[in-house]
């Protein structure tokens, strides 16, 4: 909403005024600044997303640590239209995520984004291991229980899909 954009822009401006920050933190804030600049007034979401992606690419080129790579991969994936399959973008993101996953198999961010990158009929089977691990990695987070249902439904695993969503609901109520 416009209100959310204004709040985000105010927080970014506050962050940019911080007296102490590392060069990496500054690049993160600069990336967020292009995403929320002027609370979105005078630019389209697509323009801001493209600018944010470019800023995150510069950040990951300079700081190729796992967390920065995860954020870059997530943004790259989000450039795809909802429900689309891309033979150009998905393999790039999957390679980033799978490499991190090989070292950090319980990282909830990796498991979340792996579920997203494989959430289509052609790739769902590749996401099954991550989907089953995700809920365990963040047991108190409803979304971590819901997300596996995307893969389960794609594969016709209806009982697992229902259980996943029921668990998410139960945790959100608690």
N, C-alpha and C. Protein backbone atom coordinates (compact mmCIF):
# COMPACT_ATOMS: atom_id res chain seq x y z
N UNK A 1 0.84 -1.18 0.00
CA UNK A 1 0.00 0.00 0.00
C UNK A 1 0.88 1.24 0.00
N UNK A 2 0.27 2.38 -0.29
CA UNK A 2 1.02 3.64 -0.25
C UNK A 2 1.56 3.89 1.15
N UNK A 3 0.77 3.56 2.15
CA UNK A 3 1.20 3.74 3.53
C UNK A 3 2.41 2.85 3.85
N UNK A 4 2.37 1.61 3.42
CA UNK A 4 3.50 0.70 3.64
C UNK A 4 4.75 1.20 2.95
N UNK A 5 4.58 1.69 1.72
CA UNK A 5 5.72 2.22 0.98
C UNK A 5 6.32 3.43 1.71
N UNK A 6 5.47 4.30 2.23
CA UNK A 6 5.95 5.48 2.95
C UNK A 6 6.71 5.07 4.22
N UNK A 7 6.18 4.08 4.93
CA UNK A 7 6.86 3.60 6.14
C UNK A 7 8.21 2.97 5.80
N UNK A 8 8.24 2.19 4.74
CA UNK A 8 9.49 1.55 4.32
C UNK A 8 10.52 2.60 3.92
N UNK A 9 10.10 3.59 3.16
CA UNK A 9 11.00 4.66 2.73
C UNK A 9 11.54 5.42 3.95
N UNK A 10 10.69 5.68 4.94
CA UNK A 10 11.12 6.37 6.15
C UNK A 10 12.16 5.54 6.90
N UNK A 11 11.97 4.24 6.96
CA UNK A 11 12.93 3.37 7.64
C UNK A 11 14.27 3.33 6.88
N UNK A 12 14.20 3.28 5.57
CA UNK A 12 15.43 3.29 4.78
C UNK A 12 16.20 4.60 5.02
N UNK A 13 15.48 5.72 5.01
CA UNK A 13 16.13 7.01 5.25
C UNK A 13 16.77 7.05 6.63
N UNK A 14 16.08 6.51 7.61
CA UNK A 14 16.63 6.44 8.96
C UNK A 14 17.90 5.60 8.96
N UNK A 15 17.85 4.47 8.31
CA UNK A 15 19.03 3.61 8.23
C UNK A 15 20.20 4.28 7.55
N UNK A 16 19.92 5.02 6.49
CA UNK A 16 21.00 5.70 5.76
C UNK A 16 21.68 6.79 6.59
N UNK A 17 21.00 7.26 7.64
CA UNK A 17 21.57 8.28 8.52
C UNK A 17 22.37 7.68 9.68
N UNK A 18 22.42 6.37 9.77
CA UNK A 18 23.15 5.72 10.86
C UNK A 18 24.60 6.16 10.87
N UNK A 19 25.11 6.40 12.05
CA UNK A 19 26.49 6.89 12.16
C UNK A 19 27.53 5.78 11.96
N UNK A 20 27.13 4.56 12.22
CA UNK A 20 28.06 3.44 12.05
C UNK A 20 27.41 2.38 11.17
N UNK A 21 28.08 2.05 10.09
CA UNK A 21 27.65 0.93 9.26
C UNK A 21 28.84 0.46 8.44
N UNK A 22 28.84 -0.81 8.16
CA UNK A 22 29.91 -1.38 7.34
C UNK A 22 29.63 -1.03 5.87
N UNK A 23 30.64 -1.14 5.03
CA UNK A 23 30.40 -0.92 3.59
C UNK A 23 29.34 -1.89 3.03
N UNK A 24 29.30 -3.11 3.54
CA UNK A 24 28.30 -4.08 3.10
C UNK A 24 26.91 -3.60 3.51
N UNK A 25 26.76 -3.16 4.76
CA UNK A 25 25.46 -2.65 5.22
C UNK A 25 25.02 -1.44 4.39
N UNK A 26 25.97 -0.60 4.02
CA UNK A 26 25.66 0.58 3.20
C UNK A 26 25.12 0.13 1.84
N UNK A 27 25.72 -0.90 1.26
CA UNK A 27 25.24 -1.39 -0.04
C UNK A 27 23.83 -1.97 0.09
N UNK A 28 23.56 -2.68 1.19
CA UNK A 28 22.21 -3.19 1.42
C UNK A 28 21.21 -2.04 1.50
N UNK A 29 21.55 -1.02 2.28
CA UNK A 29 20.65 0.12 2.42
C UNK A 29 20.47 0.87 1.11
N UNK A 30 21.54 1.02 0.36
CA UNK A 30 21.43 1.67 -0.95
C UNK A 30 20.50 0.87 -1.87
N UNK A 31 20.57 -0.45 -1.78
CA UNK A 31 19.68 -1.30 -2.59
C UNK A 31 18.23 -1.10 -2.15
N UNK A 32 18.01 -1.06 -0.86
CA UNK A 32 16.65 -0.84 -0.36
C UNK A 32 16.15 0.55 -0.75
N UNK A 33 17.08 1.50 -0.79
CA UNK A 33 16.69 2.88 -1.15
C UNK A 33 16.13 2.94 -2.56
N UNK A 34 16.70 2.21 -3.50
CA UNK A 34 16.17 2.26 -4.87
C UNK A 34 14.83 1.53 -4.96
N UNK A 35 14.61 0.59 -4.05
CA UNK A 35 13.35 -0.14 -4.06
C UNK A 35 12.21 0.70 -3.49
N UNK A 36 12.51 1.51 -2.49
CA UNK A 36 11.46 2.29 -1.81
C UNK A 36 11.58 3.79 -2.01
N UNK A 37 12.46 4.24 -2.89
CA UNK A 37 12.72 5.67 -3.10
C UNK A 37 11.43 6.47 -3.25
N UNK A 38 11.38 7.54 -2.50
CA UNK A 38 10.23 8.46 -2.55
C UNK A 38 8.90 7.75 -2.36
N UNK A 39 8.93 6.67 -1.59
CA UNK A 39 7.72 5.87 -1.32
C UNK A 39 7.05 5.40 -2.62
N UNK A 40 7.85 5.24 -3.66
CA UNK A 40 7.34 4.73 -4.93
C UNK A 40 6.76 5.78 -5.85
N UNK A 41 6.68 7.03 -5.40
CA UNK A 41 6.10 8.09 -6.22
C UNK A 41 7.04 8.40 -7.38
N UNK A 42 6.51 8.43 -8.58
CA UNK A 42 7.29 8.78 -9.75
C UNK A 42 8.00 7.62 -10.43
N UNK A 43 7.75 6.41 -9.96
CA UNK A 43 8.36 5.24 -10.61
C UNK A 43 7.40 4.06 -10.51
N UNK A 44 7.59 3.11 -11.39
CA UNK A 44 6.75 1.91 -11.37
C UNK A 44 7.43 0.83 -10.53
N UNK A 45 6.65 -0.14 -10.11
CA UNK A 45 7.20 -1.27 -9.36
C UNK A 45 8.25 -1.98 -10.19
N UNK A 46 8.00 -2.15 -11.47
CA UNK A 46 8.96 -2.82 -12.35
C UNK A 46 10.28 -2.05 -12.43
N UNK A 47 10.20 -0.74 -12.50
CA UNK A 47 11.43 0.08 -12.53
C UNK A 47 12.20 -0.05 -11.23
N UNK A 48 11.48 0.00 -10.11
CA UNK A 48 12.15 -0.13 -8.81
C UNK A 48 12.75 -1.52 -8.64
N UNK A 49 12.03 -2.54 -9.07
CA UNK A 49 12.54 -3.91 -8.99
C UNK A 49 13.81 -4.07 -9.81
N UNK A 50 13.82 -3.51 -11.01
CA UNK A 50 15.02 -3.59 -11.87
C UNK A 50 16.20 -2.88 -11.21
N UNK A 51 15.94 -1.73 -10.62
CA UNK A 51 17.01 -0.99 -9.95
C UNK A 51 17.50 -1.74 -8.73
N UNK A 52 16.58 -2.35 -7.98
CA UNK A 52 16.95 -3.14 -6.80
C UNK A 52 17.78 -4.35 -7.22
N UNK A 53 17.35 -5.04 -8.28
CA UNK A 53 18.10 -6.20 -8.77
C UNK A 53 19.52 -5.80 -9.15
N UNK A 54 19.67 -4.68 -9.85
CA UNK A 54 21.01 -4.20 -10.23
C UNK A 54 21.84 -3.87 -9.00
N UNK A 55 21.22 -3.25 -8.00
CA UNK A 55 21.94 -2.91 -6.78
C UNK A 55 22.35 -4.16 -6.02
N UNK A 56 21.48 -5.16 -5.98
CA UNK A 56 21.82 -6.41 -5.30
C UNK A 56 22.88 -7.19 -6.08
N UNK A 57 22.87 -7.08 -7.40
CA UNK A 57 23.92 -7.72 -8.21
C UNK A 57 25.27 -7.10 -7.86
N UNK A 58 25.32 -5.78 -7.75
CA UNK A 58 26.57 -5.10 -7.37
C UNK A 58 27.00 -5.52 -5.96
N UNK A 59 26.03 -5.68 -5.07
CA UNK A 59 26.33 -6.09 -3.70
C UNK A 59 26.88 -7.50 -3.67
N UNK A 60 26.23 -8.42 -4.38
CA UNK A 60 26.69 -9.81 -4.37
C UNK A 60 28.03 -9.96 -5.09
N UNK A 61 28.29 -9.12 -6.07
CA UNK A 61 29.60 -9.16 -6.73
C UNK A 61 30.71 -8.76 -5.77
N UNK A 62 30.42 -7.80 -4.90
CA UNK A 62 31.42 -7.33 -3.94
C UNK A 62 31.46 -8.19 -2.68
N UNK A 63 30.30 -8.67 -2.24
CA UNK A 63 30.18 -9.47 -1.01
C UNK A 63 29.44 -10.77 -1.32
N UNK A 64 30.15 -11.76 -1.88
CA UNK A 64 29.47 -12.99 -2.30
C UNK A 64 29.23 -14.00 -1.17
N UNK A 65 28.90 -13.50 0.03
CA UNK A 65 28.60 -14.39 1.14
C UNK A 65 27.23 -15.04 0.93
N UNK A 66 26.94 -16.05 1.70
CA UNK A 66 25.70 -16.81 1.51
C UNK A 66 24.45 -15.96 1.65
N UNK A 67 24.39 -15.10 2.66
CA UNK A 67 23.17 -14.33 2.87
C UNK A 67 22.91 -13.37 1.71
N UNK A 68 23.96 -12.71 1.25
CA UNK A 68 23.79 -11.79 0.12
C UNK A 68 23.40 -12.56 -1.13
N UNK A 69 23.99 -13.72 -1.32
CA UNK A 69 23.63 -14.54 -2.48
C UNK A 69 22.17 -15.00 -2.40
N UNK A 70 21.70 -15.31 -1.19
CA UNK A 70 20.29 -15.69 -1.03
C UNK A 70 19.36 -14.55 -1.42
N UNK A 71 19.66 -13.35 -0.92
CA UNK A 71 18.81 -12.19 -1.25
C UNK A 71 18.85 -11.89 -2.74
N UNK A 72 20.02 -11.99 -3.34
CA UNK A 72 20.12 -11.75 -4.78
C UNK A 72 19.32 -12.82 -5.55
N UNK A 73 19.49 -14.08 -5.16
CA UNK A 73 18.76 -15.16 -5.83
C UNK A 73 17.26 -15.00 -5.72
N UNK A 74 16.79 -14.61 -4.54
CA UNK A 74 15.36 -14.40 -4.34
C UNK A 74 14.86 -13.29 -5.24
N UNK A 75 15.62 -12.20 -5.34
CA UNK A 75 15.16 -11.09 -6.18
C UNK A 75 15.20 -11.47 -7.66
N UNK A 76 16.21 -12.20 -8.05
CA UNK A 76 16.29 -12.67 -9.43
C UNK A 76 15.08 -13.55 -9.75
N UNK A 77 14.74 -14.44 -8.83
CA UNK A 77 13.58 -15.30 -9.03
C UNK A 77 12.29 -14.49 -9.11
N UNK A 78 12.22 -13.42 -8.33
CA UNK A 78 10.98 -12.63 -8.31
C UNK A 78 10.79 -11.80 -9.58
N UNK A 79 11.79 -11.76 -10.44
CA UNK A 79 11.61 -11.06 -11.71
C UNK A 79 10.78 -11.88 -12.70
N UNK A 80 10.59 -13.15 -12.39
CA UNK A 80 9.77 -14.00 -13.27
C UNK A 80 8.30 -13.75 -13.02
N UNK A 81 7.48 -13.77 -14.05
CA UNK A 81 6.03 -13.66 -13.83
C UNK A 81 5.52 -14.83 -12.99
N UNK A 82 4.52 -14.56 -12.17
CA UNK A 82 3.92 -15.59 -11.31
C UNK A 82 3.52 -16.81 -12.14
N UNK A 83 3.94 -17.99 -11.70
CA UNK A 83 3.57 -19.22 -12.36
C UNK A 83 4.38 -19.56 -13.60
N UNK A 84 5.32 -18.70 -13.96
CA UNK A 84 6.12 -18.93 -15.16
C UNK A 84 7.25 -19.92 -14.88
N UNK A 85 7.74 -20.55 -15.93
CA UNK A 85 8.92 -21.39 -15.88
C UNK A 85 9.95 -20.73 -16.79
N UNK A 86 11.16 -20.56 -16.28
CA UNK A 86 12.21 -19.92 -17.06
C UNK A 86 13.44 -20.80 -17.12
N UNK A 87 13.83 -21.16 -18.33
CA UNK A 87 15.05 -21.95 -18.50
C UNK A 87 16.30 -21.08 -18.38
N UNK A 88 16.11 -19.78 -18.24
CA UNK A 88 17.24 -18.87 -18.07
C UNK A 88 17.44 -18.49 -16.61
N UNK A 89 16.37 -18.13 -15.92
CA UNK A 89 16.49 -17.62 -14.56
C UNK A 89 16.52 -18.74 -13.52
N UNK A 90 15.59 -19.68 -13.60
CA UNK A 90 15.50 -20.71 -12.57
C UNK A 90 16.78 -21.51 -12.39
N UNK A 91 17.45 -21.95 -13.44
CA UNK A 91 18.69 -22.70 -13.23
C UNK A 91 19.78 -21.87 -12.54
N UNK A 92 19.85 -20.59 -12.84
CA UNK A 92 20.84 -19.73 -12.19
C UNK A 92 20.55 -19.65 -10.69
N UNK A 93 19.29 -19.39 -10.35
CA UNK A 93 18.90 -19.29 -8.94
C UNK A 93 19.06 -20.65 -8.26
N UNK A 94 18.64 -21.72 -8.92
CA UNK A 94 18.77 -23.06 -8.34
C UNK A 94 20.22 -23.38 -8.04
N UNK A 95 21.13 -23.02 -8.93
CA UNK A 95 22.55 -23.28 -8.70
C UNK A 95 23.06 -22.53 -7.47
N UNK A 96 22.66 -21.27 -7.33
CA UNK A 96 23.04 -20.49 -6.14
C UNK A 96 22.54 -21.19 -4.88
N UNK A 97 21.26 -21.53 -4.89
CA UNK A 97 20.64 -22.12 -3.71
C UNK A 97 21.17 -23.51 -3.39
N UNK A 98 21.31 -24.33 -4.41
CA UNK A 98 21.80 -25.70 -4.19
C UNK A 98 23.22 -25.70 -3.64
N UNK A 99 24.04 -24.77 -4.10
CA UNK A 99 25.42 -24.69 -3.60
C UNK A 99 25.41 -24.33 -2.11
N UNK A 100 24.59 -23.38 -1.72
CA UNK A 100 24.49 -23.01 -0.30
C UNK A 100 23.87 -24.16 0.50
N UNK A 101 22.84 -24.77 -0.06
CA UNK A 101 22.16 -25.89 0.60
C UNK A 101 23.13 -27.04 0.87
N UNK A 102 24.06 -27.27 -0.02
CA UNK A 102 25.01 -28.37 0.16
C UNK A 102 25.84 -28.19 1.44
N UNK A 103 26.02 -26.95 1.85
CA UNK A 103 26.78 -26.66 3.07
C UNK A 103 25.89 -26.36 4.27
N UNK A 104 24.67 -25.88 4.00
CA UNK A 104 23.77 -25.47 5.08
C UNK A 104 22.38 -26.06 4.84
N UNK A 105 22.25 -27.37 5.00
CA UNK A 105 20.98 -28.03 4.65
C UNK A 105 19.81 -27.70 5.57
N UNK A 106 20.06 -27.02 6.68
CA UNK A 106 18.97 -26.66 7.59
C UNK A 106 18.69 -25.17 7.60
N UNK A 107 19.28 -24.43 6.69
CA UNK A 107 19.10 -22.98 6.64
C UNK A 107 17.68 -22.69 6.14
N UNK A 108 16.83 -22.06 6.98
CA UNK A 108 15.44 -21.85 6.55
C UNK A 108 15.30 -20.97 5.30
N UNK A 109 16.19 -20.01 5.12
CA UNK A 109 16.11 -19.17 3.92
C UNK A 109 16.39 -19.97 2.66
N UNK A 110 17.39 -20.81 2.72
CA UNK A 110 17.72 -21.66 1.57
C UNK A 110 16.53 -22.57 1.25
N UNK A 111 15.98 -23.19 2.28
CA UNK A 111 14.87 -24.12 2.08
C UNK A 111 13.63 -23.40 1.55
N UNK A 112 13.38 -22.20 2.03
CA UNK A 112 12.25 -21.41 1.55
C UNK A 112 12.42 -21.09 0.07
N UNK A 113 13.57 -20.57 -0.30
CA UNK A 113 13.79 -20.17 -1.69
C UNK A 113 13.89 -21.37 -2.62
N UNK A 114 14.43 -22.51 -2.13
CA UNK A 114 14.42 -23.72 -2.95
C UNK A 114 12.99 -24.16 -3.25
N UNK A 115 12.12 -24.03 -2.26
CA UNK A 115 10.72 -24.37 -2.49
C UNK A 115 10.13 -23.47 -3.58
N UNK A 116 10.46 -22.19 -3.53
CA UNK A 116 9.97 -21.27 -4.56
C UNK A 116 10.56 -21.59 -5.94
N UNK A 117 11.85 -21.84 -6.00
CA UNK A 117 12.49 -22.02 -7.32
C UNK A 117 11.98 -23.28 -8.02
N UNK A 118 11.54 -24.26 -7.24
CA UNK A 118 11.06 -25.51 -7.82
C UNK A 118 9.53 -25.61 -7.84
N UNK A 119 8.84 -24.52 -7.54
CA UNK A 119 7.38 -24.53 -7.46
C UNK A 119 6.74 -24.38 -8.83
N UNK A 120 6.89 -25.41 -9.63
CA UNK A 120 6.22 -25.49 -10.93
C UNK A 120 6.16 -26.97 -11.31
N UNK A 121 5.26 -27.34 -12.22
CA UNK A 121 5.08 -28.76 -12.54
C UNK A 121 6.33 -29.44 -13.08
N UNK A 122 7.18 -28.70 -13.78
CA UNK A 122 8.37 -29.32 -14.39
C UNK A 122 9.49 -29.57 -13.37
N UNK A 123 9.53 -28.80 -12.29
CA UNK A 123 10.66 -28.87 -11.36
C UNK A 123 10.29 -29.32 -9.96
N UNK A 124 9.02 -29.56 -9.70
CA UNK A 124 8.57 -29.84 -8.33
C UNK A 124 9.30 -31.00 -7.66
N UNK A 125 9.58 -32.03 -8.41
CA UNK A 125 10.26 -33.20 -7.85
C UNK A 125 11.61 -32.82 -7.23
N UNK A 126 12.30 -31.85 -7.85
CA UNK A 126 13.60 -31.39 -7.34
C UNK A 126 13.46 -30.68 -5.99
N UNK A 127 12.27 -30.18 -5.68
CA UNK A 127 12.07 -29.44 -4.45
C UNK A 127 11.53 -30.25 -3.29
N UNK A 128 11.32 -31.55 -3.50
CA UNK A 128 10.69 -32.37 -2.47
C UNK A 128 11.52 -32.49 -1.20
N UNK A 129 12.81 -32.71 -1.32
CA UNK A 129 13.66 -32.85 -0.13
C UNK A 129 13.67 -31.55 0.67
N UNK A 130 13.84 -30.43 -0.02
CA UNK A 130 13.84 -29.13 0.66
C UNK A 130 12.49 -28.85 1.29
N UNK A 131 11.41 -29.16 0.59
CA UNK A 131 10.07 -28.91 1.13
C UNK A 131 9.85 -29.69 2.42
N UNK A 132 10.27 -30.93 2.43
CA UNK A 132 10.09 -31.75 3.64
C UNK A 132 10.97 -31.27 4.78
N UNK A 133 12.10 -30.67 4.47
CA UNK A 133 13.02 -30.18 5.51
C UNK A 133 12.63 -28.81 6.04
N UNK A 134 11.93 -28.03 5.24
CA UNK A 134 11.68 -26.62 5.59
C UNK A 134 10.92 -26.47 6.91
N UNK A 135 9.83 -27.19 7.09
CA UNK A 135 9.04 -27.04 8.31
C UNK A 135 9.87 -27.37 9.55
N UNK A 136 10.76 -28.35 9.43
CA UNK A 136 11.60 -28.72 10.57
C UNK A 136 12.62 -27.64 10.90
N UNK A 137 13.02 -26.87 9.90
CA UNK A 137 14.06 -25.86 10.11
C UNK A 137 13.54 -24.62 10.84
N UNK A 138 12.24 -24.41 10.80
CA UNK A 138 11.63 -23.24 11.44
C UNK A 138 10.29 -23.67 12.03
N UNK A 139 10.36 -24.54 13.01
CA UNK A 139 9.18 -25.23 13.53
C UNK A 139 8.08 -24.30 14.05
N UNK A 140 8.43 -23.11 14.51
CA UNK A 140 7.43 -22.20 15.08
C UNK A 140 6.89 -21.19 14.07
N UNK A 141 7.27 -21.33 12.81
CA UNK A 141 6.89 -20.35 11.79
C UNK A 141 5.81 -20.94 10.89
N UNK A 142 4.60 -20.38 10.93
CA UNK A 142 3.52 -20.93 10.11
C UNK A 142 3.86 -21.03 8.63
N UNK A 143 4.52 -20.00 8.09
CA UNK A 143 4.83 -20.01 6.66
C UNK A 143 5.77 -21.16 6.30
N UNK A 144 6.64 -21.52 7.21
CA UNK A 144 7.56 -22.65 6.97
C UNK A 144 6.80 -23.96 6.87
N UNK A 145 5.64 -24.03 7.48
CA UNK A 145 4.82 -25.24 7.39
C UNK A 145 3.92 -25.19 6.16
N UNK A 146 3.51 -24.00 5.76
CA UNK A 146 2.65 -23.87 4.58
C UNK A 146 3.42 -24.09 3.27
N UNK A 147 4.59 -23.50 3.15
CA UNK A 147 5.32 -23.51 1.86
C UNK A 147 5.51 -24.91 1.27
N UNK A 148 5.82 -25.93 2.07
CA UNK A 148 5.97 -27.26 1.46
C UNK A 148 4.73 -27.73 0.71
N UNK A 149 3.55 -27.21 1.10
CA UNK A 149 2.32 -27.63 0.41
C UNK A 149 2.35 -27.27 -1.07
N UNK A 150 3.12 -26.25 -1.44
CA UNK A 150 3.25 -25.90 -2.86
C UNK A 150 3.83 -27.09 -3.64
N UNK A 151 4.90 -27.64 -3.12
CA UNK A 151 5.54 -28.78 -3.79
C UNK A 151 4.66 -30.01 -3.69
N UNK A 152 4.12 -30.26 -2.50
CA UNK A 152 3.26 -31.44 -2.32
C UNK A 152 2.09 -31.43 -3.29
N UNK A 153 1.44 -30.29 -3.44
CA UNK A 153 0.29 -30.19 -4.36
C UNK A 153 0.72 -30.42 -5.80
N UNK A 154 1.87 -29.87 -6.18
CA UNK A 154 2.36 -30.06 -7.56
C UNK A 154 2.59 -31.54 -7.87
N UNK A 155 2.93 -32.31 -6.83
CA UNK A 155 3.24 -33.72 -7.02
C UNK A 155 2.07 -34.65 -6.68
N UNK A 156 0.92 -34.05 -6.34
CA UNK A 156 -0.24 -34.86 -6.02
C UNK A 156 -0.16 -35.54 -4.66
N UNK A 157 0.68 -35.03 -3.79
CA UNK A 157 0.82 -35.58 -2.44
C UNK A 157 -0.19 -34.86 -1.54
N UNK A 158 -1.47 -35.21 -1.74
CA UNK A 158 -2.56 -34.45 -1.15
C UNK A 158 -2.58 -34.51 0.37
N UNK A 159 -2.30 -35.68 0.95
CA UNK A 159 -2.32 -35.77 2.41
C UNK A 159 -1.21 -34.93 3.02
N UNK A 160 -0.03 -34.96 2.44
CA UNK A 160 1.07 -34.13 2.95
C UNK A 160 0.75 -32.64 2.78
N UNK A 161 0.11 -32.31 1.66
CA UNK A 161 -0.26 -30.92 1.42
C UNK A 161 -1.26 -30.44 2.47
N UNK A 162 -2.28 -31.25 2.73
CA UNK A 162 -3.28 -30.89 3.72
C UNK A 162 -2.66 -30.79 5.11
N UNK A 163 -1.85 -31.76 5.48
CA UNK A 163 -1.20 -31.75 6.79
C UNK A 163 -0.31 -30.52 6.95
N UNK A 164 0.41 -30.19 5.90
CA UNK A 164 1.28 -29.01 5.91
C UNK A 164 0.48 -27.75 6.22
N UNK A 165 -0.64 -27.58 5.54
CA UNK A 165 -1.47 -26.39 5.75
C UNK A 165 -2.19 -26.42 7.09
N UNK A 166 -2.62 -27.60 7.52
CA UNK A 166 -3.25 -27.71 8.84
C UNK A 166 -2.26 -27.34 9.94
N UNK A 167 -1.02 -27.80 9.81
CA UNK A 167 0.02 -27.47 10.79
C UNK A 167 0.29 -25.96 10.79
N UNK A 168 0.34 -25.36 9.62
CA UNK A 168 0.56 -23.92 9.53
C UNK A 168 -0.56 -23.17 10.24
N UNK A 169 -1.79 -23.60 10.01
CA UNK A 169 -2.93 -22.95 10.65
C UNK A 169 -2.85 -23.10 12.17
N UNK A 170 -2.58 -24.31 12.63
CA UNK A 170 -2.50 -24.58 14.07
C UNK A 170 -1.41 -23.72 14.72
N UNK A 171 -0.28 -23.62 14.09
CA UNK A 171 0.82 -22.81 14.64
C UNK A 171 0.47 -21.33 14.62
N UNK A 172 -0.19 -20.88 13.56
CA UNK A 172 -0.57 -19.46 13.51
C UNK A 172 -1.59 -19.13 14.59
N UNK A 173 -2.48 -20.05 14.89
CA UNK A 173 -3.46 -19.83 15.95
C UNK A 173 -2.78 -19.81 17.32
N UNK A 174 -1.75 -20.64 17.49
CA UNK A 174 -1.03 -20.70 18.78
C UNK A 174 -0.19 -19.44 18.96
